[in-house]
Amino acid sequence: MSPRSARLSGAKDAAPVFSALGDATRLALVDRLCGGQPLSISQLTAGTPVTRQAVTKHLHVLSGAGLVRDSRRGRERLWQLEAPRLDEARRYLETISKRWDDALDRLRKFVED
C-alpha cells in the first residue's frame, strides 16, 4: 500500500469518529462515559436539559461510529465507551500533527537558507 493510500484509508477509518464527535452533546456523552463505568440513559441525562430520547439518538450515532456499545442489565440498557476507537482517532491526529510539524520544519529551513 502506498503512503497516499494508507493516508486515505486512515482518513476513511477516522472520519466517522470525528463526525460523531463533532456534536457538543455527543462529545459531552463521551466525556461522561470516560469514567470507565457503564451508565444508563437515566444516569447520562441526570443534571442535563437533554431528554432521554435525544440522548438515546445521540448514543446510537456514537455506536454507529464504534465509540460506544450497549449491554442489557435487567430492564436497563447500559452504555460504555469503546476506548480503542478513540485511540485510533488520536493516533490519526498524531500522524497529521507530525506531518504538519515536518512541513513547518522544512519551511523554516527553507526560509533560513
Protein backbone atom coordinates (compact mmCIF):
# COMPACT_ATOMS: atom_id res chain seq x y z
CA MET A 1 0.00 0.00 0.00
CA SER A 2 1.39 3.39 -0.97
CA PRO A 3 1.73 6.14 1.68
CA ARG A 4 -1.04 8.09 -0.04
CA SER A 5 -3.50 5.17 0.00
CA ALA A 6 -2.55 4.46 3.61
CA ARG A 7 -3.42 8.08 4.49
CA LEU A 8 -6.73 7.82 2.63
CA SER A 9 -7.52 4.57 4.41
CA GLY A 10 -6.70 6.17 7.77
CA ALA A 11 -8.92 9.14 6.95
CA LYS A 12 -11.79 6.85 5.94
CA ASP A 13 -11.48 4.94 9.20
CA ALA A 14 -11.25 8.07 11.36
CA ALA A 15 -13.91 10.18 9.62
CA PRO A 16 -16.97 8.58 11.29
CA VAL A 17 -15.38 9.13 14.70
CA PHE A 18 -14.69 12.80 14.04
CA SER A 19 -18.15 13.25 12.56
CA ALA A 20 -19.78 11.71 15.64
CA LEU A 21 -17.64 13.82 17.97
CA GLY A 22 -18.49 16.98 16.04
CA ASP A 23 -21.66 17.48 18.08
CA ALA A 24 -21.41 19.09 21.52
CA THR A 25 -24.00 16.76 23.09
CA ARG A 26 -22.26 13.64 21.79
CA LEU A 27 -18.89 14.95 22.90
CA ALA A 28 -20.34 15.55 26.38
CA LEU A 29 -21.71 12.00 26.44
CA VAL A 30 -18.28 10.59 25.56
CA ASP A 31 -16.79 12.73 28.31
CA ARG A 32 -19.27 11.33 30.84
CA LEU A 33 -18.52 7.78 29.70
CA CYS A 34 -14.77 8.32 30.10
CA GLY A 35 -15.16 7.47 33.79
CA GLY A 36 -14.98 3.82 32.81
CA GLN A 37 -18.27 2.73 34.34
CA PRO A 38 -21.21 1.74 32.13
CA LEU A 39 -24.02 4.26 32.54
CA SER A 40 -27.75 4.08 31.93
CA ILE A 41 -29.74 6.64 29.96
CA SER A 42 -31.05 7.99 33.29
CA GLN A 43 -27.52 8.48 34.57
CA LEU A 44 -26.43 10.10 31.32
CA THR A 45 -29.32 12.57 31.32
CA ALA A 46 -29.15 13.44 35.02
CA GLY A 47 -28.39 17.11 35.53
CA THR A 48 -28.72 17.98 31.83
CA PRO A 49 -31.52 19.62 29.87
CA VAL A 50 -31.27 16.90 27.20
CA THR A 51 -34.17 14.46 27.03
CA ARG A 52 -33.74 10.71 27.34
CA GLN A 53 -34.99 10.32 23.77
CA ALA A 54 -32.39 12.78 22.45
CA VAL A 55 -29.60 11.09 24.41
CA THR A 56 -30.67 7.72 23.02
CA LYS A 57 -30.46 9.07 19.45
CA HIS A 58 -27.00 10.54 20.14
CA LEU A 59 -25.83 7.26 21.64
CA HIS A 60 -26.92 5.41 18.52
CA VAL A 61 -24.82 7.79 16.39
CA LEU A 62 -21.83 7.19 18.70
CA SER A 63 -22.47 3.46 18.49
CA GLY A 64 -22.54 3.61 14.70
CA ALA A 65 -19.10 5.22 14.79
CA GLY A 66 -17.85 2.46 17.09
CA LEU A 67 -17.34 4.79 20.05
CA VAL A 68 -19.81 3.23 22.47
CA ARG A 69 -21.56 -0.08 22.98
CA ASP A 70 -24.56 -1.07 25.00
CA SER A 71 -25.49 -4.06 27.08
CA ARG A 72 -28.58 -5.06 28.97
CA ARG A 73 -28.76 -5.48 32.70
CA GLY A 74 -32.29 -6.48 33.56
CA ARG A 75 -34.63 -3.88 32.08
CA GLU A 76 -31.85 -1.32 31.89
CA ARG A 77 -29.58 -0.65 28.93
CA LEU A 78 -26.07 0.39 29.95
CA TRP A 79 -23.70 2.30 27.70
CA GLN A 80 -19.94 2.05 27.76
CA LEU A 81 -17.12 3.82 25.93
CA GLU A 82 -15.11 1.88 23.34
CA ALA A 83 -11.71 3.39 24.13
CA PRO A 84 -9.79 1.62 21.33
CA ARG A 85 -11.82 3.54 18.75
CA LEU A 86 -10.86 6.83 20.39
CA ASP A 87 -7.23 5.69 20.44
CA GLU A 88 -7.37 5.08 16.68
CA ALA A 89 -8.64 8.63 16.13
CA ARG A 90 -5.96 10.02 18.45
CA ARG A 91 -3.25 8.17 16.52
CA TYR A 92 -4.60 9.57 13.26
CA LEU A 93 -4.46 13.11 14.68
CA GLU A 94 -0.92 12.49 15.89
CA THR A 95 0.08 11.40 12.38
CA ILE A 96 -1.40 14.57 10.91
CA SER A 97 0.29 16.65 13.61
CA LYS A 98 3.67 15.04 12.87
CA ARG A 99 3.30 15.68 9.15
CA TRP A 100 2.36 19.30 9.88
CA ASP A 101 5.39 19.72 12.17
CA ASP A 102 7.64 18.22 9.46
CA ALA A 103 6.25 20.63 6.88
CA LEU A 104 6.84 23.58 9.20
CA ASP A 105 10.41 22.40 9.82
CA ARG A 106 11.04 22.21 6.07
CA LEU A 107 9.60 25.70 5.65
CA ARG A 108 11.74 27.06 8.50
CA LYS A 109 14.88 25.54 6.97
CA PHE A 110 13.98 26.90 3.54
CA VAL A 111 13.44 30.41 4.92
CA GLU A 112 16.64 30.30 6.97
CA ASP A 113 18.76 29.18 3.97
